[in-house]
Amino acid sequence: MKHIPQIKSVMTPFPYFVELTSTLREAKQVMSDRAIRHLPVMDDHRLVGMLTDRDIKLILGPEINDQSQDEILVKDVFIEEIYMVELTEPLDNVLLHMANNHLGSVLVTKDGRLAGLFTVTDACKYFGEFLREHFLPLHGNDAA
């Protein structure tokens, strides 16, 4: 019988991050360049929170001009209260917590230091691969 995998086996290791004192323009650029939507926030090598593309869109809104992106800092927008788990956390616990709390991402740590990031996209990818390994594809046009 197989065991439930730990989060470390499906997370994105060594994620990109942004500093607390970075501007929103810098954070947006990292997200754009790397095609990502979640950025852990660090303050002097210490994990302090998360910034998402949604947070940026909510703060900037339609009325904020382009120059404001250089004036608003990550520390003014980021989320401090985030879901963090250790590398050895069982995947089922993480998935159920994410679903029950409508979370899009989880920060993964090792001894309190950033080790990885796990997002809904990672979960979908893992589940898709799991289904392909354990089930035969459905053929035909069996519409309901």
N, C-alpha and C. Protein backbone atom coordinates (compact mmCIF):
# COMPACT_ATOMS: atom_id res chain seq x y z
N MET A 1 0.84 -1.18 0.00
CA MET A 1 0.00 0.00 0.00
C MET A 1 0.89 1.25 0.00
N LYS A 2 0.54 2.21 -0.83
CA LYS A 2 1.29 3.45 -0.90
C LYS A 2 0.90 4.38 0.24
N HIS A 3 1.84 5.25 0.61
CA HIS A 3 1.57 6.25 1.64
C HIS A 3 1.21 7.58 0.98
N ILE A 4 0.47 8.39 1.70
CA ILE A 4 0.14 9.73 1.21
C ILE A 4 1.43 10.52 1.11
N PRO A 5 1.67 11.17 -0.02
CA PRO A 5 2.93 11.93 -0.18
C PRO A 5 2.98 13.14 0.75
N GLN A 6 4.20 13.55 1.01
CA GLN A 6 4.42 14.78 1.77
C GLN A 6 4.44 15.95 0.80
N ILE A 7 4.17 17.13 1.32
CA ILE A 7 4.11 18.33 0.48
C ILE A 7 5.41 18.55 -0.28
N LYS A 8 6.53 18.16 0.28
CA LYS A 8 7.82 18.39 -0.38
C LYS A 8 7.93 17.69 -1.72
N SER A 9 7.15 16.63 -1.93
CA SER A 9 7.24 15.89 -3.19
C SER A 9 6.48 16.55 -4.33
N VAL A 10 5.63 17.54 -4.04
CA VAL A 10 4.82 18.16 -5.08
C VAL A 10 4.93 19.69 -5.13
N MET A 11 5.66 20.27 -4.22
CA MET A 11 5.79 21.73 -4.17
C MET A 11 6.75 22.23 -5.25
N THR A 12 6.74 23.52 -5.47
CA THR A 12 7.74 24.17 -6.31
C THR A 12 8.87 24.59 -5.38
N PRO A 13 10.05 23.98 -5.52
CA PRO A 13 11.14 24.32 -4.60
C PRO A 13 11.80 25.65 -4.97
N PHE A 14 12.42 26.25 -3.98
CA PHE A 14 13.20 27.49 -4.16
C PHE A 14 12.43 28.54 -4.96
N PRO A 15 11.28 28.95 -4.46
CA PRO A 15 10.47 29.90 -5.24
C PRO A 15 11.12 31.29 -5.29
N TYR A 16 10.72 32.04 -6.30
CA TYR A 16 11.12 33.45 -6.35
C TYR A 16 10.45 34.14 -5.19
N PHE A 17 11.03 35.23 -4.74
CA PHE A 17 10.44 36.00 -3.64
C PHE A 17 10.71 37.47 -3.86
N VAL A 18 10.09 38.28 -3.03
CA VAL A 18 10.25 39.73 -3.11
C VAL A 18 10.58 40.23 -1.70
N GLU A 19 11.34 41.30 -1.64
CA GLU A 19 11.68 41.90 -0.35
C GLU A 19 10.55 42.81 0.12
N LEU A 20 10.40 42.94 1.40
CA LEU A 20 9.39 43.77 2.03
C LEU A 20 9.48 45.22 1.55
N THR A 21 10.69 45.68 1.28
CA THR A 21 10.91 47.08 0.89
C THR A 21 10.87 47.30 -0.62
N SER A 22 10.57 46.27 -1.40
CA SER A 22 10.46 46.43 -2.85
C SER A 22 9.21 47.24 -3.19
N THR A 23 9.23 47.84 -4.37
CA THR A 23 8.05 48.56 -4.84
C THR A 23 7.09 47.59 -5.51
N LEU A 24 5.84 48.02 -5.66
CA LEU A 24 4.88 47.18 -6.39
C LEU A 24 5.30 46.98 -7.83
N ARG A 25 5.94 47.99 -8.42
CA ARG A 25 6.43 47.84 -9.79
C ARG A 25 7.44 46.69 -9.86
N GLU A 26 8.35 46.62 -8.91
CA GLU A 26 9.35 45.54 -8.90
C GLU A 26 8.68 44.18 -8.72
N ALA A 27 7.72 44.11 -7.81
CA ALA A 27 7.01 42.85 -7.58
C ALA A 27 6.25 42.41 -8.83
N LYS A 28 5.54 43.35 -9.45
CA LYS A 28 4.81 43.04 -10.68
C LYS A 28 5.75 42.56 -11.78
N GLN A 29 6.93 43.14 -11.85
CA GLN A 29 7.90 42.76 -12.87
C GLN A 29 8.37 41.32 -12.66
N VAL A 30 8.64 40.95 -11.42
CA VAL A 30 9.04 39.56 -11.12
C VAL A 30 7.92 38.61 -11.52
N MET A 31 6.70 38.95 -11.16
CA MET A 31 5.56 38.09 -11.51
C MET A 31 5.40 37.97 -13.02
N SER A 32 5.53 39.07 -13.71
CA SER A 32 5.39 39.07 -15.16
C SER A 32 6.51 38.29 -15.84
N ASP A 33 7.75 38.55 -15.43
CA ASP A 33 8.91 37.88 -16.04
C ASP A 33 8.88 36.38 -15.82
N ARG A 34 8.39 35.94 -14.68
CA ARG A 34 8.41 34.52 -14.31
C ARG A 34 7.07 33.82 -14.52
N ALA A 35 6.06 34.57 -14.97
CA ALA A 35 4.71 34.02 -15.19
C ALA A 35 4.19 33.34 -13.93
N ILE A 36 4.24 34.06 -12.82
CA ILE A 36 3.76 33.55 -11.54
C ILE A 36 2.77 34.53 -10.93
N ARG A 37 1.98 34.04 -9.98
CA ARG A 37 0.97 34.89 -9.35
C ARG A 37 1.15 35.03 -7.85
N HIS A 38 2.10 34.30 -7.27
CA HIS A 38 2.32 34.34 -5.82
C HIS A 38 3.79 34.58 -5.53
N LEU A 39 4.06 35.51 -4.63
CA LEU A 39 5.44 35.81 -4.24
C LEU A 39 5.57 35.81 -2.73
N PRO A 40 6.38 34.91 -2.19
CA PRO A 40 6.69 35.02 -0.76
C PRO A 40 7.38 36.36 -0.51
N VAL A 41 7.15 36.91 0.67
CA VAL A 41 7.74 38.19 1.04
C VAL A 41 8.76 37.95 2.15
N MET A 42 9.97 38.47 1.92
CA MET A 42 11.07 38.29 2.86
C MET A 42 11.48 39.64 3.45
N ASP A 43 11.94 39.60 4.68
CA ASP A 43 12.49 40.77 5.34
C ASP A 43 13.79 40.34 6.00
N ASP A 44 14.90 40.74 5.40
CA ASP A 44 16.22 40.38 5.94
C ASP A 44 16.35 38.86 6.14
N HIS A 45 16.08 38.09 5.10
CA HIS A 45 16.19 36.63 5.07
C HIS A 45 15.17 35.93 5.96
N ARG A 46 14.14 36.63 6.39
CA ARG A 46 13.10 36.06 7.23
C ARG A 46 11.78 36.13 6.48
N LEU A 47 11.08 35.01 6.40
CA LEU A 47 9.80 34.93 5.71
C LEU A 47 8.75 35.65 6.55
N VAL A 48 8.08 36.65 5.92
CA VAL A 48 7.12 37.45 6.68
C VAL A 48 5.72 37.44 6.08
N GLY A 49 5.53 36.92 4.87
CA GLY A 49 4.20 36.91 4.29
C GLY A 49 4.18 36.55 2.83
N MET A 50 3.09 36.96 2.17
CA MET A 50 2.86 36.61 0.77
C MET A 50 2.24 37.80 0.05
N LEU A 51 2.60 37.94 -1.20
CA LEU A 51 2.00 38.94 -2.08
C LEU A 51 1.48 38.20 -3.30
N THR A 52 0.24 38.50 -3.70
CA THR A 52 -0.32 37.85 -4.88
C THR A 52 -0.68 38.91 -5.92
N ASP A 53 -0.84 38.46 -7.14
CA ASP A 53 -1.25 39.39 -8.19
C ASP A 53 -2.60 40.00 -7.87
N ARG A 54 -3.45 39.26 -7.20
CA ARG A 54 -4.76 39.77 -6.82
C ARG A 54 -4.63 40.91 -5.81
N ASP A 55 -3.71 40.78 -4.85
CA ASP A 55 -3.48 41.86 -3.88
C ASP A 55 -3.07 43.13 -4.61
N ILE A 56 -2.21 42.98 -5.60
CA ILE A 56 -1.73 44.14 -6.35
C ILE A 56 -2.87 44.78 -7.12
N LYS A 57 -3.69 43.96 -7.77
CA LYS A 57 -4.81 44.50 -8.54
C LYS A 57 -5.82 45.21 -7.64
N LEU A 58 -6.04 44.67 -6.46
CA LEU A 58 -6.99 45.29 -5.53
C LEU A 58 -6.48 46.64 -5.03
N ILE A 59 -5.19 46.73 -4.75
CA ILE A 59 -4.65 47.98 -4.22
C ILE A 59 -4.51 49.03 -5.31
N LEU A 60 -4.11 48.63 -6.50
CA LEU A 60 -3.91 49.60 -7.56
C LEU A 60 -5.23 50.11 -8.12
N GLY A 61 -6.17 49.22 -8.33
CA GLY A 61 -7.46 49.62 -8.85
C GLY A 61 -7.35 50.44 -10.12
N PRO A 62 -8.47 50.87 -10.67
CA PRO A 62 -8.44 51.63 -11.92
C PRO A 62 -8.01 53.09 -11.75
N GLU A 63 -8.11 53.64 -10.53
CA GLU A 63 -7.81 55.06 -10.35
C GLU A 63 -6.34 55.36 -10.10
N ILE A 64 -5.55 54.37 -9.70
CA ILE A 64 -4.15 54.62 -9.36
C ILE A 64 -3.34 54.77 -10.64
N ASN A 65 -2.54 55.82 -10.69
CA ASN A 65 -1.73 56.04 -11.90
C ASN A 65 -0.47 55.19 -11.88
N ASP A 66 0.19 55.14 -13.01
CA ASP A 66 1.38 54.30 -13.18
C ASP A 66 2.51 54.68 -12.22
N GLN A 67 2.62 55.95 -11.91
CA GLN A 67 3.68 56.42 -11.01
C GLN A 67 3.51 55.85 -9.60
N SER A 68 2.29 55.60 -9.18
CA SER A 68 2.03 55.08 -7.83
C SER A 68 2.69 53.74 -7.58
N GLN A 69 2.93 52.97 -8.63
CA GLN A 69 3.56 51.66 -8.48
C GLN A 69 4.97 51.79 -7.91
N ASP A 70 5.60 52.94 -8.09
CA ASP A 70 6.93 53.17 -7.54
C ASP A 70 6.86 53.73 -6.12
N GLU A 71 5.71 54.25 -5.74
CA GLU A 71 5.55 54.85 -4.43
C GLU A 71 5.00 53.86 -3.40
N ILE A 72 4.21 52.90 -3.85
CA ILE A 72 3.63 51.91 -2.95
C ILE A 72 4.61 50.76 -2.80
N LEU A 73 4.88 50.38 -1.56
CA LEU A 73 5.82 49.31 -1.28
C LEU A 73 5.09 48.01 -0.96
N VAL A 74 5.79 46.91 -1.13
CA VAL A 74 5.25 45.60 -0.80
C VAL A 74 4.76 45.58 0.64
N LYS A 75 5.48 46.21 1.55
CA LYS A 75 5.10 46.19 2.97
C LYS A 75 3.74 46.84 3.22
N ASP A 76 3.27 47.66 2.28
CA ASP A 76 1.97 48.31 2.42
C ASP A 76 0.82 47.43 1.94
N VAL A 77 1.13 46.33 1.26
CA VAL A 77 0.09 45.55 0.59
C VAL A 77 0.08 44.07 0.97
N PHE A 78 1.22 43.50 1.33
CA PHE A 78 1.33 42.05 1.47
C PHE A 78 0.46 41.52 2.60
N ILE A 79 0.26 40.21 2.60
CA ILE A 79 -0.54 39.52 3.61
C ILE A 79 0.41 38.86 4.61
N GLU A 80 0.24 39.20 5.87
CA GLU A 80 1.11 38.62 6.90
C GLU A 80 0.61 37.27 7.39
N GLU A 81 -0.68 37.13 7.53
CA GLU A 81 -1.25 35.89 8.05
C GLU A 81 -1.45 34.92 6.90
N ILE A 82 -0.53 33.98 6.78
CA ILE A 82 -0.55 33.04 5.66
C ILE A 82 -0.48 31.61 6.19
N TYR A 83 -0.86 30.70 5.35
CA TYR A 83 -0.79 29.29 5.70
C TYR A 83 0.60 28.78 5.35
N MET A 84 1.30 28.29 6.37
CA MET A 84 2.64 27.73 6.19
C MET A 84 2.66 26.33 6.77
N VAL A 85 3.38 25.45 6.08
CA VAL A 85 3.55 24.08 6.55
C VAL A 85 5.01 23.68 6.41
N GLU A 86 5.41 22.69 7.17
CA GLU A 86 6.76 22.13 7.06
C GLU A 86 6.81 21.15 5.88
N LEU A 87 8.00 20.90 5.40
CA LEU A 87 8.23 19.99 4.26
C LEU A 87 7.56 18.63 4.41
N THR A 88 7.45 18.16 5.63
CA THR A 88 6.96 16.81 5.88
C THR A 88 5.45 16.71 6.07
N GLU A 89 4.75 17.82 5.90
CA GLU A 89 3.29 17.81 6.08
C GLU A 89 2.65 16.90 5.02
N PRO A 90 1.74 16.01 5.44
CA PRO A 90 1.07 15.16 4.46
C PRO A 90 0.22 15.99 3.49
N LEU A 91 0.26 15.61 2.22
CA LEU A 91 -0.42 16.35 1.17
C LEU A 91 -1.92 16.44 1.40
N ASP A 92 -2.54 15.38 1.90
CA ASP A 92 -3.99 15.43 2.11
C ASP A 92 -4.38 16.51 3.11
N ASN A 93 -3.58 16.69 4.17
CA ASN A 93 -3.87 17.75 5.15
C ASN A 93 -3.81 19.13 4.49
N VAL A 94 -2.81 19.33 3.66
CA VAL A 94 -2.63 20.62 2.98
C VAL A 94 -3.80 20.88 2.03
N LEU A 95 -4.14 19.90 1.20
CA LEU A 95 -5.21 20.07 0.22
C LEU A 95 -6.55 20.35 0.89
N LEU A 96 -6.86 19.62 1.95
CA LEU A 96 -8.14 19.83 2.63
C LEU A 96 -8.17 21.20 3.31
N HIS A 97 -7.07 21.62 3.90
CA HIS A 97 -7.01 22.94 4.52
C HIS A 97 -7.18 24.04 3.46
N MET A 98 -6.52 23.88 2.33
CA MET A 98 -6.66 24.85 1.24
C MET A 98 -8.11 24.92 0.77
N ALA A 99 -8.74 23.78 0.56
CA ALA A 99 -10.13 23.74 0.08
C ALA A 99 -11.09 24.33 1.11
N ASN A 100 -10.94 23.94 2.35
CA ASN A 100 -11.84 24.41 3.40
C ASN A 100 -11.72 25.90 3.68
N ASN A 101 -10.56 26.47 3.39
CA ASN A 101 -10.32 27.88 3.67
C ASN A 101 -10.18 28.73 2.41
N HIS A 102 -10.47 28.15 1.25
CA HIS A 102 -10.43 28.85 -0.04
C HIS A 102 -9.09 29.53 -0.28
N LEU A 103 -8.01 28.77 -0.10
CA LEU A 103 -6.65 29.30 -0.26
C LEU A 103 -6.09 28.92 -1.62
N GLY A 104 -5.34 29.82 -2.22
CA GLY A 104 -4.73 29.56 -3.51
C GLY A 104 -3.29 29.11 -3.42
N SER A 105 -2.68 29.26 -2.23
CA SER A 105 -1.28 28.90 -2.11
C SER A 105 -0.91 28.61 -0.67
N VAL A 106 0.21 27.92 -0.53
CA VAL A 106 0.77 27.54 0.76
C VAL A 106 2.28 27.76 0.70
N LEU A 107 2.82 28.35 1.74
CA LEU A 107 4.27 28.46 1.82
C LEU A 107 4.80 27.24 2.56
N VAL A 108 5.85 26.66 2.02
CA VAL A 108 6.45 25.46 2.61
C VAL A 108 7.79 25.85 3.22
N THR A 109 7.99 25.44 4.45
CA THR A 109 9.21 25.81 5.17
C THR A 109 9.97 24.59 5.66
N LYS A 110 11.23 24.82 5.94
CA LYS A 110 12.07 23.82 6.60
C LYS A 110 12.72 24.56 7.76
N ASP A 111 12.34 24.15 8.96
CA ASP A 111 12.85 24.81 10.16
C ASP A 111 12.59 26.31 10.13
N GLY A 112 11.41 26.70 9.64
CA GLY A 112 11.02 28.10 9.61
C GLY A 112 11.57 28.92 8.46
N ARG A 113 12.36 28.32 7.59
CA ARG A 113 12.94 29.03 6.44
C ARG A 113 12.21 28.60 5.16
N LEU A 114 12.02 29.54 4.25
CA LEU A 114 11.32 29.26 3.00
C LEU A 114 12.01 28.15 2.22
N ALA A 115 11.24 27.12 1.87
CA ALA A 115 11.77 26.00 1.10
C ALA A 115 11.02 25.80 -0.20
N GLY A 116 9.74 26.20 -0.22
CA GLY A 116 8.96 25.98 -1.42
C GLY A 116 7.62 26.68 -1.36
N LEU A 117 6.91 26.53 -2.45
CA LEU A 117 5.58 27.11 -2.60
C LEU A 117 4.69 26.06 -3.25
N PHE A 118 3.47 25.95 -2.78
CA PHE A 118 2.50 25.01 -3.35
C PHE A 118 1.24 25.80 -3.66
N THR A 119 0.80 25.72 -4.92
CA THR A 119 -0.37 26.47 -5.36
C THR A 119 -1.45 25.54 -5.88
N VAL A 120 -2.60 26.10 -6.15
CA VAL A 120 -3.69 25.33 -6.74
C VAL A 120 -3.25 24.76 -8.08
N THR A 121 -2.44 25.50 -8.82
CA THR A 121 -1.92 25.00 -10.09
C THR A 121 -1.09 23.74 -9.88
N ASP A 122 -0.23 23.74 -8.84
CA ASP A 122 0.55 22.55 -8.52
C ASP A 122 -0.37 21.38 -8.17
N ALA A 123 -1.43 21.67 -7.41
CA ALA A 123 -2.37 20.62 -7.02
C ALA A 123 -3.05 20.01 -8.24
N CYS A 124 -3.48 20.87 -9.17
CA CYS A 124 -4.13 20.37 -10.38
C CYS A 124 -3.18 19.52 -11.22
N LYS A 125 -1.96 19.98 -11.35
CA LYS A 125 -0.96 19.23 -12.11
C LYS A 125 -0.73 17.85 -11.48
N TYR A 126 -0.54 17.82 -10.17
CA TYR A 126 -0.30 16.55 -9.48
C TYR A 126 -1.51 15.62 -9.63
N PHE A 127 -2.70 16.15 -9.45
CA PHE A 127 -3.89 15.32 -9.54
C PHE A 127 -4.09 14.78 -10.96
N GLY A 128 -3.82 15.62 -11.96
CA GLY A 128 -3.92 15.16 -13.34
C GLY A 128 -2.97 14.01 -13.62
N GLU A 129 -1.72 14.14 -13.15
CA GLU A 129 -0.74 13.07 -13.33
C GLU A 129 -1.16 11.81 -12.56
N PHE A 130 -1.71 11.98 -11.37
CA PHE A 130 -2.19 10.86 -10.57
C PHE A 130 -3.28 10.10 -11.32
N LEU A 131 -4.23 10.83 -11.90
CA LEU A 131 -5.32 10.19 -12.64
C LEU A 131 -4.80 9.41 -13.84
N ARG A 132 -3.83 9.98 -14.55
CA ARG A 132 -3.27 9.29 -15.71
C ARG A 132 -2.54 8.01 -15.32
N GLU A 133 -1.93 8.01 -14.15
CA GLU A 133 -1.20 6.82 -13.68
C GLU A 133 -2.14 5.72 -13.21
N HIS A 134 -3.30 6.09 -12.70
CA HIS A 134 -4.16 5.11 -12.03
C HIS A 134 -5.43 4.73 -12.77
N PHE A 135 -5.74 5.43 -13.87
CA PHE A 135 -6.96 5.14 -14.59
C PHE A 135 -6.72 5.14 -16.08
N LEU A 136 -7.50 4.35 -16.77
CA LEU A 136 -7.45 4.32 -18.23
C LEU A 136 -8.23 5.51 -18.77
N PRO A 137 -7.81 6.05 -19.90
CA PRO A 137 -8.55 7.16 -20.48
C PRO A 137 -9.91 6.69 -21.00
N LEU A 138 -10.88 7.58 -20.95
CA LEU A 138 -12.21 7.29 -21.46
C LEU A 138 -12.22 7.60 -22.94
N HIS A 139 -12.63 6.63 -23.75
CA HIS A 139 -12.69 6.84 -25.20
C HIS A 139 -14.14 6.90 -25.65
N GLY A 140 -14.35 7.51 -26.74
CA GLY A 140 -15.69 7.58 -27.29
C GLY A 140 -16.36 8.91 -27.00
N ASN A 141 -17.61 8.97 -27.38
CA ASN A 141 -18.35 10.21 -27.22
C ASN A 141 -19.55 9.93 -26.33
N ASP A 142 -19.26 9.65 -25.08
CA ASP A 142 -20.31 9.28 -24.12
C ASP A 142 -20.88 10.53 -23.44
N ALA A 143 -21.58 11.34 -24.21
CA ALA A 143 -22.20 12.55 -23.65
C ALA A 143 -23.39 12.14 -22.80
N ALA A 144 -23.64 12.93 -21.79
CA ALA A 144 -24.75 12.64 -20.88
C ALA A 144 -26.08 12.91 -21.52
